[in-house]
Amino acid sequence: MITNARGDLTEVKGPGVVGEQPVLRPGESYQYTSGAPLNTSSGMMGGAYQMESETGERFDIEIPTFSLDNPDQRMVLN
């Protein structure tokens, strides 16, 4: 969920992360860079990723809410 500075919510849903569906083995990690649709200079983002184990069990991994801020604007803490 993305919340802009006016409190408007945008839900982002879809398969994969930036078009990829990585398979991670125990001890492995995955990094990526992405953007977010934000029409104000600051906002917040958080939610969950749904994962699937090798046995097909699905489970959610929570993404703690974090601040989105335009580096060219004065700092606004959410």
PDB file of N, CA and C in Angstrom:
ATOM      1  N   MET A   1       0.841  -1.183   0.000  1.00  0.00           N
ATOM      2  CA  MET A   1       0.000   0.000   0.000  1.00  0.00           C
ATOM      3  C   MET A   1       0.882   1.241   0.000  1.00  0.00           C
ATOM      4  N   ILE A   2       0.539   2.171  -0.844  1.00  0.00           N
ATOM      5  CA  ILE A   2       1.251   3.447  -0.923  1.00  0.00           C
ATOM      6  C   ILE A   2       0.287   4.545  -0.497  1.00  0.00           C
ATOM      7  N   THR A   3       0.698   5.362   0.445  1.00  0.00           N
ATOM      8  CA  THR A   3      -0.117   6.477   0.931  1.00  0.00           C
ATOM      9  C   THR A   3       0.622   7.763   0.623  1.00  0.00           C
ATOM     10  N   ASN A   4      -0.006   8.689  -0.116  1.00  0.00           N
ATOM     11  CA  ASN A   4       0.666   9.959  -0.400  1.00  0.00           C
ATOM     12  C   ASN A   4       0.451  10.929   0.752  1.00  0.00           C
ATOM     13  N   ALA A   5       1.009  12.123   0.639  1.00  0.00           N
ATOM     14  CA  ALA A   5       0.965  13.104   1.724  1.00  0.00           C
ATOM     15  C   ALA A   5      -0.456  13.587   2.030  1.00  0.00           C
ATOM     16  N   ARG A   6      -1.395  13.398   1.098  1.00  0.00           N
ATOM     17  CA  ARG A   6      -2.786  13.791   1.328  1.00  0.00           C
ATOM     18  C   ARG A   6      -3.610  12.652   1.928  1.00  0.00           C
ATOM     19  N   GLY A   7      -2.984  11.484   2.124  1.00  0.00           N
ATOM     20  CA  GLY A   7      -3.693  10.344   2.681  1.00  0.00           C
ATOM     21  C   GLY A   7      -4.372   9.461   1.655  1.00  0.00           C
ATOM     22  N   ASP A   8      -4.167   9.736   0.368  1.00  0.00           N
ATOM     23  CA  ASP A   8      -4.744   8.900  -0.690  1.00  0.00           C
ATOM     24  C   ASP A   8      -3.978   7.582  -0.763  1.00  0.00           C
ATOM     25  N   LEU A   9      -4.715   6.465  -0.855  1.00  0.00           N
ATOM     26  CA  LEU A   9      -4.102   5.133  -0.886  1.00  0.00           C
ATOM     27  C   LEU A   9      -4.069   4.569  -2.305  1.00  0.00           C
ATOM     28  N   THR A  10      -2.972   3.901  -2.644  1.00  0.00           N
ATOM     29  CA  THR A  10      -2.840   3.164  -3.899  1.00  0.00           C
ATOM     30  C   THR A  10      -2.372   1.765  -3.553  1.00  0.00           C
ATOM     31  N   GLU A  11      -3.107   0.771  -4.009  1.00  0.00           N
ATOM     32  CA  GLU A  11      -2.710  -0.615  -3.767  1.00  0.00           C
ATOM     33  C   GLU A  11      -1.999  -1.144  -5.002  1.00  0.00           C
ATOM     34  N   VAL A  12      -0.841  -1.743  -4.800  1.00  0.00           N
ATOM     35  CA  VAL A  12      -0.071  -2.328  -5.886  1.00  0.00           C
ATOM     36  C   VAL A  12      -0.112  -3.838  -5.716  1.00  0.00           C
ATOM     37  N   LYS A  13      -0.631  -4.535  -6.728  1.00  0.00           N
ATOM     38  CA  LYS A  13      -0.734  -5.990  -6.674  1.00  0.00           C
ATOM     39  C   LYS A  13      -0.203  -6.563  -7.984  1.00  0.00           C
ATOM     40  N   GLY A  14       0.330  -7.755  -7.899  1.00  0.00           N
ATOM     41  CA  GLY A  14       0.755  -8.420  -9.119  1.00  0.00           C
ATOM     42  C   GLY A  14       1.784  -9.485  -8.828  1.00  0.00           C
ATOM     43  N   PRO A  15       1.989 -10.349  -9.805  1.00  0.00           N
ATOM     44  CA  PRO A  15       2.967 -11.421  -9.621  1.00  0.00           C
ATOM     45  C   PRO A  15       4.400 -10.907  -9.746  1.00  0.00           C
ATOM     46  N   GLY A  16       5.247 -11.385  -8.867  1.00  0.00           N
ATOM     47  CA  GLY A  16       6.665 -11.074  -8.979  1.00  0.00           C
ATOM     48  C   GLY A  16       7.061  -9.721  -8.425  1.00  0.00           C
ATOM     49  N   VAL A  17       8.342  -9.481  -8.506  1.00  0.00           N
ATOM     50  CA  VAL A  17       8.964  -8.235  -8.078  1.00  0.00           C
ATOM     51  C   VAL A  17       9.647  -7.663  -9.302  1.00  0.00           C
ATOM     52  N   VAL A  18       9.272  -6.476  -9.711  1.00  0.00           N
ATOM     53  CA  VAL A  18       9.788  -5.844 -10.934  1.00  0.00           C
ATOM     54  C   VAL A  18       9.848  -6.853 -12.086  1.00  0.00           C
ATOM     55  N   GLY A  19       8.774  -7.637 -12.235  1.00  0.00           N
ATOM     56  CA  GLY A  19       8.687  -8.580 -13.338  1.00  0.00           C
ATOM     57  C   GLY A  19       9.424  -9.897 -13.147  1.00  0.00           C
ATOM     58  N   GLU A  20      10.008 -10.115 -12.001  1.00  0.00           N
ATOM     59  CA  GLU A  20      10.748 -11.351 -11.737  1.00  0.00           C
ATOM     60  C   GLU A  20      10.095 -12.124 -10.601  1.00  0.00           C
ATOM     61  N   GLN A  21      10.267 -13.433 -10.627  1.00  0.00           N
ATOM     62  CA  GLN A  21       9.802 -14.297  -9.550  1.00  0.00           C
ATOM     63  C   GLN A  21      10.981 -15.167  -9.121  1.00  0.00           C
ATOM     64  N   PRO A  22      11.871 -14.596  -8.311  1.00  0.00           N
ATOM     65  CA  PRO A  22      13.091 -15.321  -7.939  1.00  0.00           C
ATOM     66  C   PRO A  22      12.818 -16.538  -7.062  1.00  0.00           C
ATOM     67  N   VAL A  23      13.616 -17.565  -7.238  1.00  0.00           N
ATOM     68  CA  VAL A  23      13.585 -18.744  -6.380  1.00  0.00           C
ATOM     69  C   VAL A  23      14.776 -18.632  -5.443  1.00  0.00           C
ATOM     70  N   LEU A  24      14.514 -18.592  -4.132  1.00  0.00           N
ATOM     71  CA  LEU A  24      15.569 -18.430  -3.142  1.00  0.00           C
ATOM     72  C   LEU A  24      15.752 -19.718  -2.358  1.00  0.00           C
ATOM     73  N   ARG A  25      16.951 -20.154  -2.265  1.00  0.00           N
ATOM     74  CA  ARG A  25      17.300 -21.319  -1.456  1.00  0.00           C
ATOM     75  C   ARG A  25      17.658 -20.827  -0.052  1.00  0.00           C
ATOM     76  N   PRO A  26      17.656 -21.704   0.952  1.00  0.00           N
ATOM     77  CA  PRO A  26      18.012 -21.285   2.319  1.00  0.00           C
ATOM     78  C   PRO A  26      19.345 -20.528   2.348  1.00  0.00           C
ATOM     79  N   GLY A  27      19.328 -19.375   3.013  1.00  0.00           N
ATOM     80  CA  GLY A  27      20.533 -18.558   3.134  1.00  0.00           C
ATOM     81  C   GLY A  27      20.733 -17.567   2.000  1.00  0.00           C
ATOM     82  N   GLU A  28      19.962 -17.672   0.917  1.00  0.00           N
ATOM     83  CA  GLU A  28      20.102 -16.743  -0.206  1.00  0.00           C
ATOM     84  C   GLU A  28      19.276 -15.485   0.041  1.00  0.00           C
ATOM     85  N   SER A  29      19.605 -14.432  -0.687  1.00  0.00           N
ATOM     86  CA  SER A  29      18.847 -13.182  -0.599  1.00  0.00           C
ATOM     87  C   SER A  29      18.611 -12.650  -2.008  1.00  0.00           C
ATOM     88  N   TYR A  30      17.780 -11.637  -2.103  1.00  0.00           N
ATOM     89  CA  TYR A  30      17.438 -11.033  -3.391  1.00  0.00           C
ATOM     90  C   TYR A  30      17.326  -9.533  -3.191  1.00  0.00           C
ATOM     91  N   GLN A  31      17.930  -8.755  -4.068  1.00  0.00           N
ATOM     92  CA  GLN A  31      17.855  -7.289  -4.016  1.00  0.00           C
ATOM     93  C   GLN A  31      17.298  -6.787  -5.331  1.00  0.00           C
ATOM     94  N   TYR A  32      16.585  -5.673  -5.270  1.00  0.00           N
ATOM     95  CA  TYR A  32      16.086  -5.056  -6.491  1.00  0.00           C
ATOM     96  C   TYR A  32      15.874  -3.568  -6.249  1.00  0.00           C
ATOM     97  N   THR A  33      15.746  -2.832  -7.336  1.00  0.00           N
ATOM     98  CA  THR A  33      15.443  -1.408  -7.288  1.00  0.00           C
ATOM     99  C   THR A  33      14.133  -1.203  -8.027  1.00  0.00           C
ATOM    100  N   SER A  34      13.272  -0.384  -7.463  1.00  0.00           N
ATOM    101  CA  SER A  34      11.959  -0.177  -8.045  1.00  0.00           C
ATOM    102  C   SER A  34      11.516   1.257  -7.808  1.00  0.00           C
ATOM    103  N   GLY A  35      10.420   1.626  -8.404  1.00  0.00           N
ATOM    104  CA  GLY A  35       9.826   2.940  -8.192  1.00  0.00           C
ATOM    105  C   GLY A  35       8.418   2.778  -7.651  1.00  0.00           C
ATOM    106  N   ALA A  36       7.790   3.881  -7.302  1.00  0.00           N
ATOM    107  CA  ALA A  36       6.437   3.845  -6.779  1.00  0.00           C
ATOM    108  C   ALA A  36       5.645   5.021  -7.331  1.00  0.00           C
ATOM    109  N   PRO A  37       4.357   4.793  -7.652  1.00  0.00           N
ATOM    110  CA  PRO A  37       3.532   5.913  -8.122  1.00  0.00           C
ATOM    111  C   PRO A  37       3.182   6.832  -6.955  1.00  0.00           C
ATOM    112  N   LEU A  38       3.801   7.991  -6.910  1.00  0.00           N
ATOM    113  CA  LEU A  38       3.579   8.929  -5.806  1.00  0.00           C
ATOM    114  C   LEU A  38       3.431  10.322  -6.393  1.00  0.00           C
ATOM    115  N   ASN A  39       2.255  10.931  -6.224  1.00  0.00           N
ATOM    116  CA  ASN A  39       1.996  12.244  -6.824  1.00  0.00           C
ATOM    117  C   ASN A  39       2.129  13.396  -5.831  1.00  0.00           C
ATOM    118  N   THR A  40       2.788  13.141  -4.706  1.00  0.00           N
ATOM    119  CA  THR A  40       3.136  14.195  -3.754  1.00  0.00           C
ATOM    120  C   THR A  40       4.620  14.033  -3.430  1.00  0.00           C
ATOM    121  N   SER A  41       5.211  14.999  -2.753  1.00  0.00           N
ATOM    122  CA  SER A  41       6.655  14.944  -2.494  1.00  0.00           C
ATOM    123  C   SER A  41       7.041  13.987  -1.372  1.00  0.00           C
ATOM    124  N   SER A  42       6.044  13.453  -0.650  1.00  0.00           N
ATOM    125  CA  SER A  42       6.349  12.477   0.393  1.00  0.00           C
ATOM    126  C   SER A  42       5.171  11.529   0.558  1.00  0.00           C
ATOM    127  N   GLY A  43       5.412  10.451   1.251  1.00  0.00           N
ATOM    128  CA  GLY A  43       4.360   9.477   1.501  1.00  0.00           C
ATOM    129  C   GLY A  43       4.907   8.328   2.324  1.00  0.00           C
ATOM    130  N   MET A  44       4.144   7.231   2.342  1.00  0.00           N
ATOM    131  CA  MET A  44       4.560   6.030   3.077  1.00  0.00           C
ATOM    132  C   MET A  44       4.215   4.805   2.242  1.00  0.00           C
ATOM    133  N   MET A  45       4.960   3.736   2.485  1.00  0.00           N
ATOM    134  CA  MET A  45       4.709   2.496   1.769  1.00  0.00           C
ATOM    135  C   MET A  45       4.924   1.322   2.707  1.00  0.00           C
ATOM    136  N   GLY A  46       4.104   0.304   2.582  1.00  0.00           N
ATOM    137  CA  GLY A  46       4.233  -0.907   3.380  1.00  0.00           C
ATOM    138  C   GLY A  46       3.252  -1.945   2.870  1.00  0.00           C
ATOM    139  N   GLY A  47       3.345  -3.152   3.371  1.00  0.00           N
ATOM    140  CA  GLY A  47       2.437  -4.203   2.923  1.00  0.00           C
ATOM    141  C   GLY A  47       3.015  -5.576   3.157  1.00  0.00           C
ATOM    142  N   ALA A  48       2.912  -6.429   2.135  1.00  0.00           N
ATOM    143  CA  ALA A  48       3.413  -7.794   2.268  1.00  0.00           C
ATOM    144  C   ALA A  48       3.724  -8.372   0.896  1.00  0.00           C
ATOM    145  N   TYR A  49       4.649  -9.319   0.883  1.00  0.00           N
ATOM    146  CA  TYR A  49       4.901 -10.150  -0.293  1.00  0.00           C
ATOM    147  C   TYR A  49       4.372 -11.534   0.017  1.00  0.00           C
ATOM    148  N   GLN A  50       3.698 -12.144  -0.944  1.00  0.00           N
ATOM    149  CA  GLN A  50       3.278 -13.531  -0.761  1.00  0.00           C
ATOM    150  C   GLN A  50       4.356 -14.434  -1.342  1.00  0.00           C
ATOM    151  N   MET A  51       4.780 -15.391  -0.538  1.00  0.00           N
ATOM    152  CA  MET A  51       5.817 -16.340  -0.940  1.00  0.00           C
ATOM    153  C   MET A  51       5.202 -17.718  -1.086  1.00  0.00           C
ATOM    154  N   GLU A  52       5.958 -18.602  -1.744  1.00  0.00           N
ATOM    155  CA  GLU A  52       5.521 -19.996  -1.883  1.00  0.00           C
ATOM    156  C   GLU A  52       6.705 -20.904  -1.613  1.00  0.00           C
ATOM    157  N   SER A  53       6.501 -21.871  -0.720  1.00  0.00           N
ATOM    158  CA  SER A  53       7.575 -22.812  -0.386  1.00  0.00           C
ATOM    159  C   SER A  53       7.714 -23.852  -1.497  1.00  0.00           C
ATOM    160  N   GLU A  54       8.761 -24.652  -1.418  1.00  0.00           N
ATOM    161  CA  GLU A  54       8.979 -25.709  -2.411  1.00  0.00           C
ATOM    162  C   GLU A  54       7.837 -26.722  -2.419  1.00  0.00           C
ATOM    163  N   THR A  55       7.120 -26.832  -1.292  1.00  0.00           N
ATOM    164  CA  THR A  55       6.003 -27.771  -1.203  1.00  0.00           C
ATOM    165  C   THR A  55       4.681 -27.151  -1.645  1.00  0.00           C
ATOM    166  N   GLY A  56       4.702 -25.875  -2.050  1.00  0.00           N
ATOM    167  CA  GLY A  56       3.499 -25.199  -2.514  1.00  0.00           C
ATOM    168  C   GLY A  56       2.741 -24.438  -1.458  1.00  0.00           C
ATOM    169  N   GLU A  57       3.232 -24.459  -0.210  1.00  0.00           N
ATOM    170  CA  GLU A  57       2.594 -23.693   0.865  1.00  0.00           C
ATOM    171  C   GLU A  57       2.818 -22.209   0.625  1.00  0.00           C
ATOM    172  N   ARG A  58       1.749 -21.415   0.696  1.00  0.00           N
ATOM    173  CA  ARG A  58       1.850 -19.964   0.524  1.00  0.00           C
ATOM    174  C   ARG A  58       1.814 -19.279   1.876  1.00  0.00           C
ATOM    175  N   PHE A  59       2.625 -18.225   2.008  1.00  0.00           N
ATOM    176  CA  PHE A  59       2.682 -17.470   3.255  1.00  0.00           C
ATOM    177  C   PHE A  59       3.096 -16.044   2.938  1.00  0.00           C
ATOM    178  N   ASP A  60       2.720 -15.104   3.801  1.00  0.00           N
ATOM    179  CA  ASP A  60       3.021 -13.685   3.596  1.00  0.00           C
ATOM    180  C   ASP A  60       4.231 -13.273   4.420  1.00  0.00           C
ATOM    181  N   ILE A  61       5.031 -12.395   3.843  1.00  0.00           N
ATOM    182  CA  ILE A  61       6.156 -11.756   4.527  1.00  0.00           C
ATOM    183  C   ILE A  61       5.817 -10.271   4.624  1.00  0.00           C
ATOM    184  N   GLU A  62       5.699  -9.755   5.837  1.00  0.00           N
ATOM    185  CA  GLU A  62       5.325  -8.353   6.041  1.00  0.00           C
ATOM    186  C   GLU A  62       6.468  -7.415   5.673  1.00  0.00           C
ATOM    187  N   ILE A  63       6.106  -6.324   5.014  1.00  0.00           N
ATOM    188  CA  ILE A  63       7.044  -5.236   4.718  1.00  0.00           C
ATOM    189  C   ILE A  63       6.671  -4.089   5.647  1.00  0.00           C
ATOM    190  N   PRO A  64       7.497  -3.789   6.643  1.00  0.00           N
ATOM    191  CA  PRO A  64       7.174  -2.689   7.558  1.00  0.00           C
ATOM    192  C   PRO A  64       7.027  -1.367   6.795  1.00  0.00           C
ATOM    193  N   THR A  65       6.120  -0.537   7.241  1.00  0.00           N
ATOM    194  CA  THR A  65       5.889   0.756   6.600  1.00  0.00           C
ATOM    195  C   THR A  65       7.143   1.620   6.694  1.00  0.00           C
ATOM    196  N   PHE A  66       7.473   2.253   5.574  1.00  0.00           N
ATOM    197  CA  PHE A  66       8.634   3.147   5.537  1.00  0.00           C
ATOM    198  C   PHE A  66       8.263   4.422   4.798  1.00  0.00           C
ATOM    199  N   SER A  67       9.055   5.463   5.008  1.00  0.00           N
ATOM    200  CA  SER A  67       8.808   6.786   4.450  1.00  0.00           C
ATOM    201  C   SER A  67       9.324   6.887   3.013  1.00  0.00           C
ATOM    202  N   LEU A  68       8.552   7.534   2.164  1.00  0.00           N
ATOM    203  CA  LEU A  68       8.972   7.868   0.796  1.00  0.00           C
ATOM    204  C   LEU A  68       9.135   9.380   0.740  1.00  0.00           C
ATOM    205  N   ASP A  69      10.301   9.847   0.364  1.00  0.00           N
ATOM    206  CA  ASP A  69      10.550  11.290   0.332  1.00  0.00           C
ATOM    207  C   ASP A  69      11.337  11.669  -0.904  1.00  0.00           C
ATOM    208  N   ASN A  70      10.924  12.744  -1.562  1.00  0.00           N
ATOM    209  CA  ASN A  70      11.634  13.274  -2.711  1.00  0.00           C
ATOM    210  C   ASN A  70      12.907  13.957  -2.213  1.00  0.00           C
ATOM    211  N   PRO A  71      14.087  13.525  -2.694  1.00  0.00           N
ATOM    212  CA  PRO A  71      15.326  14.126  -2.193  1.00  0.00           C
ATOM    213  C   PRO A  71      15.498  15.593  -2.552  1.00  0.00           C
ATOM    214  N   ASP A  72      14.717  16.091  -3.541  1.00  0.00           N
ATOM    215  CA  ASP A  72      14.821  17.485  -3.947  1.00  0.00           C
ATOM    216  C   ASP A  72      13.883  18.413  -3.188  1.00  0.00           C
ATOM    217  N   GLN A  73      13.080  17.854  -2.286  1.00  0.00           N
ATOM    218  CA  GLN A  73      12.148  18.634  -1.486  1.00  0.00           C
ATOM    219  C   GLN A  73      12.655  18.693  -0.050  1.00  0.00           C
ATOM    220  N   ARG A  74      12.155  19.643   0.720  1.00  0.00           N
ATOM    221  CA  ARG A  74      12.531  19.691   2.129  1.00  0.00           C
ATOM    222  C   ARG A  74      12.065  18.412   2.795  1.00  0.00           C
ATOM    223  N   MET A  75      12.762  17.968   3.809  1.00  0.00           N
ATOM    224  CA  MET A  75      12.479  16.708   4.491  1.00  0.00           C
ATOM    225  C   MET A  75      11.143  16.767   5.222  1.00  0.00           C
ATOM    226  N   VAL A  76      10.278  15.795   4.959  1.00  0.00           N
ATOM    227  CA  VAL A  76       9.011  15.657   5.650  1.00  0.00           C
ATOM    228  C   VAL A  76       8.967  14.253   6.215  1.00  0.00           C
ATOM    229  N   LEU A  77       8.938  14.150   7.527  1.00  0.00           N
ATOM    230  CA  LEU A  77       8.870  12.820   8.148  1.00  0.00           C
ATOM    231  C   LEU A  77       7.432  12.421   8.335  1.00  0.00           C
ATOM    232  N   ASN A  78       7.097  11.214   7.908  1.00  0.00           N
ATOM    233  CA  ASN A  78       5.728  10.703   8.030  1.00  0.00           C
ATOM    234  C   ASN A  78       5.616   9.819   9.246  1.00  0.00           C
TER     235      ASN A  78
END
